[in-house]
N, C-alpha and C. Protein backbone atom coordinates (compact mmCIF):
# COMPACT_ATOMS: atom_id res chain seq x y z
N MET A 1 0.77 -1.43 0.20
CA MET A 1 -0.12 0.17 0.13
C MET A 1 0.83 1.10 -0.16
N ASN A 2 0.59 2.40 -0.81
CA ASN A 2 1.42 3.30 -0.96
C ASN A 2 0.40 4.62 -0.14
N ILE A 3 1.27 4.91 0.86
CA ILE A 3 0.39 5.74 1.57
C ILE A 3 1.21 7.22 1.25
N SER A 4 0.52 8.16 0.97
CA SER A 4 1.09 9.83 0.42
C SER A 4 1.53 10.18 1.37
N ARG A 5 2.39 11.15 1.50
CA ARG A 5 2.95 11.96 2.75
C ARG A 5 2.21 12.51 3.47
N SER A 6 0.70 12.90 3.42
CA SER A 6 -0.15 13.57 3.91
C SER A 6 -0.82 12.52 5.36
N GLY A 7 -0.29 11.22 4.43
CA GLY A 7 -1.27 9.92 5.43
C GLY A 7 -0.13 9.92 6.14
N ARG A 8 1.12 9.94 5.77
CA ARG A 8 2.24 9.69 6.69
C ARG A 8 2.39 10.20 7.62
N ILE A 9 2.37 11.77 7.63
CA ILE A 9 2.15 12.79 9.02
C ILE A 9 1.14 12.84 9.75
N GLY A 10 -0.40 12.52 9.23
CA GLY A 10 -1.56 12.17 9.65
C GLY A 10 -0.71 11.11 11.03
N ALA A 11 -0.63 10.11 10.42
CA ALA A 11 -0.36 8.83 11.16
C ALA A 11 0.52 8.63 11.98
N LEU A 12 1.48 9.86 12.05
CA LEU A 12 2.87 10.00 13.05
C LEU A 12 2.06 11.37 13.91
N CYS A 13 0.93 11.90 13.52
CA CYS A 13 0.49 12.61 14.95
C CYS A 13 -0.24 12.27 15.61
N TRP A 14 -0.80 10.80 15.07
CA TRP A 14 -1.64 10.54 16.06
C TRP A 14 -0.42 9.48 17.18
N VAL A 15 0.55 8.71 16.30
CA VAL A 15 1.75 8.23 17.17
C VAL A 15 2.34 9.13 18.48
N ALA A 16 2.67 10.18 18.21
CA ALA A 16 3.03 11.51 18.81
C ALA A 16 1.69 11.58 19.68
N ALA A 17 0.46 11.60 19.78
CA ALA A 17 -0.17 12.00 20.74
C ALA A 17 -0.34 11.97 21.97
N ALA A 18 -0.49 10.10 22.01
CA ALA A 18 -0.52 9.14 23.29
C ALA A 18 0.77 9.35 24.31
N PRO A 19 1.81 8.88 23.52
CA PRO A 19 2.90 9.41 24.70
C PRO A 19 3.31 10.55 25.20
N LEU A 20 2.49 11.50 24.51
CA LEU A 20 3.10 13.15 24.83
C LEU A 20 1.83 13.35 26.10
N PHE A 21 0.51 12.93 25.69
CA PHE A 21 0.14 12.65 27.16
C PHE A 21 -0.40 12.08 28.01
N LEU A 22 0.59 10.89 27.97
CA LEU A 22 1.00 10.31 29.03
C LEU A 22 2.15 10.59 29.81
N VAL A 23 3.12 11.33 29.30
CA VAL A 23 4.36 11.29 29.58
C VAL A 23 4.13 12.71 30.21
N ALA A 24 3.27 13.69 30.11
CA ALA A 24 3.06 14.54 30.43
C ALA A 24 2.44 14.93 31.60
N ASN A 25 1.26 13.81 31.73
CA ASN A 25 0.70 13.63 33.37
C ASN A 25 1.50 13.02 34.40
N LEU A 26 2.17 11.94 33.80
CA LEU A 26 3.25 11.16 34.68
C LEU A 26 4.35 12.03 35.40
N VAL A 27 4.64 13.07 34.50
CA VAL A 27 5.48 13.69 34.98
C VAL A 27 4.98 14.66 36.15
N THR A 28 4.18 15.43 35.44
CA THR A 28 3.19 16.52 36.49
C THR A 28 2.66 15.52 38.17
N GLY A 29 2.32 14.10 37.75
CA GLY A 29 2.12 13.86 38.97
C GLY A 29 2.78 13.33 40.00
N LEU A 30 3.98 12.83 39.18
CA LEU A 30 5.29 12.83 40.42
C LEU A 30 5.68 14.15 41.00
N ARG A 31 5.11 15.22 40.51
CA ARG A 31 6.00 16.79 41.15
C ARG A 31 5.09 17.00 41.95
N TRP A 32 3.99 16.20 42.41
CA TRP A 32 3.08 16.63 43.79
C TRP A 32 4.00 16.43 44.67
N ARG A 33 3.44 17.36 46.16
CA ARG A 33 4.28 17.46 47.37
C ARG A 33 2.92 17.62 47.99
N ASP A 34 2.68 17.15 48.95
CA ASP A 34 1.96 17.44 50.24
C ASP A 34 0.47 17.64 49.83
N PRO A 35 0.06 16.79 49.56
CA PRO A 35 -0.22 15.67 49.20
C PRO A 35 0.56 14.97 48.01
N THR A 36 0.76 13.72 47.93
CA THR A 36 1.19 13.32 46.99
C THR A 36 0.22 13.02 45.72
N TYR A 37 0.45 12.81 44.92
CA TYR A 37 -0.62 12.79 43.55
C TYR A 37 -0.84 11.19 43.66
N SER A 38 -2.59 10.82 44.16
CA SER A 38 -2.68 9.62 44.08
C SER A 38 -3.86 9.20 43.00
N TRP A 39 -3.02 8.41 42.19
CA TRP A 39 -4.19 7.88 40.54
C TRP A 39 -5.21 7.35 41.33
N ALA A 40 -5.48 6.92 42.20
CA ALA A 40 -6.70 6.33 42.74
C ALA A 40 -7.62 6.88 43.27
N THR A 41 -7.03 7.96 44.14
CA THR A 41 -7.97 9.49 44.87
C THR A 41 -8.56 10.12 43.93
N HIS A 42 -6.96 11.03 43.60
CA HIS A 42 -7.42 12.29 42.43
C HIS A 42 -7.90 11.73 41.21
N ASN A 43 -8.38 12.91 40.94
CA ASN A 43 -8.76 13.09 39.22
C ASN A 43 -7.94 13.06 38.06
N ILE A 44 -7.97 12.97 37.01
CA ILE A 44 -6.85 13.29 36.13
C ILE A 44 -7.16 14.41 35.65
N SER A 45 -7.77 15.06 35.72
CA SER A 45 -7.81 16.49 35.58
C SER A 45 -7.42 17.67 36.58
N ASP A 46 -7.18 16.50 37.85
CA ASP A 46 -6.74 17.74 38.89
C ASP A 46 -5.28 18.18 38.56
N LEU A 47 -4.56 17.44 37.55
CA LEU A 47 -2.89 17.57 37.46
C LEU A 47 -2.98 19.23 36.58
N GLY A 48 -4.06 19.41 35.81
CA GLY A 48 -4.34 20.33 35.10
C GLY A 48 -4.57 21.59 36.23
N ASN A 49 -4.99 21.66 37.07
CA ASN A 49 -5.89 22.61 38.20
C ASN A 49 -4.85 23.48 38.40
N ALA A 50 -4.97 24.49 38.15
CA ALA A 50 -3.97 25.64 38.70
C ALA A 50 -4.26 26.30 40.08
N HIS A 51 -5.19 26.27 40.68
CA HIS A 51 -5.41 26.74 41.67
C HIS A 51 -5.32 25.43 42.50
N CYS A 52 -5.10 26.02 44.25
CA CYS A 52 -4.46 25.11 45.08
C CYS A 52 -5.68 25.28 46.08
N GLY A 53 -6.32 24.04 46.69
CA GLY A 53 -7.62 24.01 47.41
C GLY A 53 -8.22 23.04 47.72
N ILE A 54 -8.92 22.64 48.23
CA ILE A 54 -9.89 21.71 48.65
C ILE A 54 -10.75 21.64 47.74
N TRP A 55 -10.76 20.50 46.75
CA TRP A 55 -11.54 20.44 45.27
C TRP A 55 -13.00 19.14 46.14
N ASP A 56 -14.15 19.71 45.17
CA ASP A 56 -15.02 18.55 44.86
C ASP A 56 -15.78 18.25 46.17
N THR A 57 -17.32 18.62 46.30
CA THR A 57 -18.22 17.98 47.67
C THR A 57 -17.90 17.05 48.00
N SER A 58 -18.52 16.06 46.71
CA SER A 58 -19.21 14.89 47.14
C SER A 58 -17.46 13.71 47.61
N ARG A 59 -16.58 14.14 47.25
CA ARG A 59 -15.24 13.64 47.32
C ARG A 59 -14.10 14.44 47.60
N PRO A 60 -14.31 15.10 48.83
CA PRO A 60 -13.51 16.39 48.75
C PRO A 60 -11.66 15.94 49.29
N ARG A 61 -10.77 16.68 48.41
CA ARG A 61 -9.74 16.21 48.43
C ARG A 61 -8.75 17.78 48.40
N TYR A 62 -7.48 17.69 48.63
CA TYR A 62 -6.40 18.82 48.60
C TYR A 62 -6.14 18.34 47.14
N VAL A 63 -5.87 19.84 46.30
CA VAL A 63 -5.54 19.79 44.96
C VAL A 63 -4.36 21.06 44.85
N CYS A 64 -3.17 20.94 44.61
CA CYS A 64 -2.12 21.55 43.91
C CYS A 64 -1.31 21.25 43.35
N SER A 65 -1.10 21.55 41.85
CA SER A 65 -0.48 20.96 41.00
C SER A 65 0.50 22.02 40.48
N PRO A 66 1.34 21.51 41.15
CA PRO A 66 2.59 23.07 40.81
C PRO A 66 3.19 22.51 39.19
N TRP A 67 3.15 21.65 38.24
CA TRP A 67 3.38 21.61 37.21
C TRP A 67 2.11 21.90 35.99
N HIS A 68 1.13 21.78 36.66
CA HIS A 68 -0.16 22.10 35.85
C HIS A 68 0.08 22.69 34.33
N PRO A 69 1.07 23.53 34.60
CA PRO A 69 1.44 24.24 33.09
C PRO A 69 1.75 22.74 31.55
N LEU A 70 2.67 22.04 32.11
CA LEU A 70 2.86 21.12 31.59
C LEU A 70 1.35 20.08 30.94
N THR A 71 0.84 19.76 32.03
CA THR A 71 -0.31 18.86 32.08
C THR A 71 -1.29 19.59 30.74
N ASN A 72 -1.68 21.06 30.92
CA ASN A 72 -2.29 21.83 29.99
C ASN A 72 -1.96 22.25 28.44
N VAL A 73 -0.52 22.41 28.69
CA VAL A 73 -0.08 22.20 27.22
C VAL A 73 0.02 21.09 26.55
N ALA A 74 0.20 19.87 27.03
CA ALA A 74 0.12 18.62 26.76
C ALA A 74 -1.24 18.18 26.38
N THR A 75 -2.16 18.54 27.25
CA THR A 75 -3.66 18.15 26.69
C THR A 75 -4.00 19.11 25.10
N LEU A 76 -3.71 20.27 24.99
CA LEU A 76 -4.01 21.04 23.60
C LEU A 76 -3.11 20.50 22.88
N THR A 77 -1.86 20.62 23.37
CA THR A 77 -0.80 19.77 21.99
C THR A 77 -1.91 18.84 21.75
N THR A 78 -1.93 17.71 22.43
CA THR A 78 -2.86 16.61 21.85
C THR A 78 -3.86 16.47 21.34
N ALA A 79 -4.70 17.89 21.64
CA ALA A 79 -5.98 18.01 20.79
C ALA A 79 -5.47 18.14 19.41
N VAL A 80 -4.56 18.87 19.15
CA VAL A 80 -3.66 19.43 17.71
C VAL A 80 -3.68 18.38 16.97
N LEU A 81 -2.72 17.44 17.82
CA LEU A 81 -2.17 16.11 16.94
C LEU A 81 -3.77 15.53 16.47
N LEU A 82 -4.35 14.98 17.25
CA LEU A 82 -5.37 14.11 17.13
C LEU A 82 -6.48 14.60 15.89
N ALA A 83 -6.72 16.32 15.87
CA ALA A 83 -7.43 16.99 15.06
C ALA A 83 -6.64 16.97 13.43
N VAL A 84 -5.13 17.54 13.40
CA VAL A 84 -4.28 17.26 12.66
C VAL A 84 -4.60 16.00 11.89
N GLY A 85 -3.94 14.93 12.54
CA GLY A 85 -4.06 13.33 11.97
C GLY A 85 -5.34 12.90 11.34
N ILE A 86 -6.50 13.48 11.90
CA ILE A 86 -7.83 12.90 11.41
C ILE A 86 -7.68 13.52 9.83
N LEU A 87 -7.77 15.23 9.92
CA LEU A 87 -7.91 15.95 8.93
C LEU A 87 -6.62 15.41 7.42
N LEU A 88 -5.45 14.61 7.89
CA LEU A 88 -4.55 14.77 7.15
C LEU A 88 -4.87 13.28 6.60
N THR A 89 -5.81 12.45 7.66
CA THR A 89 -5.99 10.95 7.05
C THR A 89 -7.11 10.41 5.94
N TRP A 90 -7.88 11.76 6.27
CA TRP A 90 -9.57 11.69 6.07
C TRP A 90 -10.13 11.07 4.99
N ARG A 91 -9.50 11.26 3.99
CA ARG A 91 -9.06 10.90 2.17
C ARG A 91 -9.12 9.35 2.26
N ILE A 92 -7.78 9.01 2.97
CA ILE A 92 -7.33 7.86 2.87
C ILE A 92 -7.73 6.55 4.02
N LEU A 93 -8.86 6.87 4.24
CA LEU A 93 -8.89 5.69 5.52
C LEU A 93 -9.96 5.08 4.94
N GLY A 94 -10.62 5.67 3.94
CA GLY A 94 -12.00 5.10 3.06
C GLY A 94 -12.93 5.42 3.26
N ARG A 95 -14.22 5.33 2.96
CA ARG A 95 -15.53 6.01 2.98
C ARG A 95 -16.61 4.89 3.62
N GLY A 96 -17.77 5.40 3.40
CA GLY A 96 -18.76 4.58 4.11
C GLY A 96 -19.14 5.44 5.98
N GLY A 97 -20.42 4.55 6.71
CA GLY A 97 -21.02 5.23 7.17
C GLY A 97 -20.18 5.09 8.69
N MET A 98 -19.71 3.94 8.80
CA MET A 98 -19.13 3.71 10.30
C MET A 98 -17.29 4.06 9.88
N VAL A 99 -16.80 4.30 8.89
CA VAL A 99 -15.73 4.77 8.68
C VAL A 99 -15.90 6.71 9.39
N ARG A 100 -16.82 7.04 8.43
CA ARG A 100 -16.99 8.61 8.57
C ARG A 100 -17.61 8.87 10.13
N ALA A 101 -18.16 8.22 10.77
CA ALA A 101 -18.88 7.75 12.20
C ALA A 101 -17.47 8.11 12.96
N ALA A 102 -16.83 6.91 12.69
CA ALA A 102 -15.43 7.09 13.72
C ALA A 102 -14.60 8.16 13.24
N GLN A 103 -14.13 8.91 12.04
CA GLN A 103 -13.57 10.04 12.16
C GLN A 103 -14.20 11.38 13.06
N THR A 104 -15.77 11.49 13.15
CA THR A 104 -16.25 12.44 13.38
C THR A 104 -16.35 12.53 14.93
N LEU A 105 -15.83 11.50 15.56
CA LEU A 105 -15.83 11.04 16.86
C LEU A 105 -14.85 11.05 17.54
N LEU A 106 -13.63 10.96 16.43
CA LEU A 106 -12.29 11.42 16.90
C LEU A 106 -12.09 12.80 16.70
N LEU A 107 -12.70 13.44 15.81
CA LEU A 107 -12.53 14.86 16.08
C LEU A 107 -13.38 15.48 16.83
N LEU A 108 -14.61 14.84 17.48
CA LEU A 108 -14.99 15.50 18.65
C LEU A 108 -14.37 15.02 19.66
N ALA A 109 -13.44 14.35 20.04
CA ALA A 109 -12.81 13.75 20.88
C ALA A 109 -11.85 15.12 20.83
N ALA A 110 -11.08 15.77 19.78
CA ALA A 110 -9.59 16.24 19.68
C ALA A 110 -10.54 17.89 20.19
N CYS A 111 -11.56 17.77 19.91
CA CYS A 111 -12.14 19.22 20.34
C CYS A 111 -12.70 19.04 21.76
N GLY A 112 -12.91 17.85 22.32
CA GLY A 112 -13.11 18.12 23.69
C GLY A 112 -11.57 17.98 24.71
N TYR A 113 -11.04 17.47 24.07
CA TYR A 113 -9.02 17.68 24.36
C TYR A 113 -9.07 19.27 24.74
N ALA A 114 -9.54 20.10 23.46
CA ALA A 114 -9.12 21.62 23.31
C ALA A 114 -9.85 22.02 24.55
N LEU A 115 -11.19 21.67 24.43
CA LEU A 115 -12.14 22.32 25.26
C LEU A 115 -11.75 22.65 26.87
N VAL A 116 -11.11 21.29 27.41
CA VAL A 116 -10.97 20.74 28.28
C VAL A 116 -9.71 21.94 28.67
N ALA A 117 -8.15 21.57 27.69
CA ALA A 117 -6.97 22.77 28.42
C ALA A 117 -7.03 23.82 28.29
N SER A 118 -8.27 24.02 27.52
CA SER A 118 -8.51 26.00 27.29
C SER A 118 -9.51 26.50 28.81
N THR A 119 -10.31 25.56 29.24
CA THR A 119 -11.49 26.16 29.86
C THR A 119 -10.74 25.86 31.76
N ARG A 120 -9.72 25.02 31.30
CA ARG A 120 -9.16 24.81 33.11
C ARG A 120 -8.85 25.73 33.90
N PRO A 121 -9.07 26.49 35.38
CA PRO A 121 -9.05 27.59 35.82
C PRO A 121 -7.66 27.85 35.77
N THR A 122 -7.48 29.24 35.48
CA THR A 122 -6.13 29.45 35.76
C THR A 122 -6.16 30.78 37.09
N SER A 123 -4.86 30.93 37.29
CA SER A 123 -4.30 31.78 38.17
C SER A 123 -3.51 32.53 38.25
N THR A 124 -3.50 33.89 38.51
CA THR A 124 -2.76 34.87 38.68
C THR A 124 -1.46 34.75 40.02
N ARG A 125 -1.68 33.83 40.68
CA ARG A 125 -0.88 33.67 41.67
C ARG A 125 -0.12 32.07 41.30
N THR A 126 0.71 31.76 42.05
CA THR A 126 1.60 30.40 41.78
C THR A 126 0.97 29.24 42.48
N CYS A 127 1.09 28.36 41.80
CA CYS A 127 0.27 27.77 42.97
C CYS A 127 1.75 26.38 43.63
N THR A 128 1.44 26.39 44.59
CA THR A 128 2.62 25.89 45.13
C THR A 128 2.50 24.77 45.78
N SER A 129 3.38 23.97 46.43
CA SER A 129 3.21 22.63 47.27
C SER A 129 3.16 22.83 48.77
N SER A 130 3.03 24.13 49.19
CA SER A 130 3.63 23.91 50.56
C SER A 130 2.13 23.60 51.57
N ALA A 131 2.46 23.14 52.83
CA ALA A 131 1.61 22.66 53.27
C ALA A 131 -0.10 23.27 53.43
N HIS A 132 -1.19 22.72 53.43
CA HIS A 132 -2.38 23.33 53.46
C HIS A 132 -3.07 22.83 54.74
N SER A 133 -4.44 23.87 55.09
CA SER A 133 -4.69 24.03 56.32
C SER A 133 -5.92 23.28 56.42
């Protein structure tokens, strides 16, 4: 099968998106201090939160993510990579209802990533990992 240059670039965008998102979240989670980030009790969205404090009334937890910019930039970059990948491979993936539905859903997922990255609370103060009261 001879894949066009745009198809190869689109596929590379997809290949780059997943490890970028994973590594950024792992690094950000490892930078948490007092308390340390718990993959069992914290939401993954806590990694991108710019405000330090108690969050969520149903299961309160202290959130302070000093490396939140890394997670937020990685989430937005993942959105761009997914969208570019789907647009560059749109024609070569075939036709039909199932193919178009999958492509459309992936494009909507990319929009969701972008929305999450752009609507996370931002702060003029720095998020520090100092002890909380």
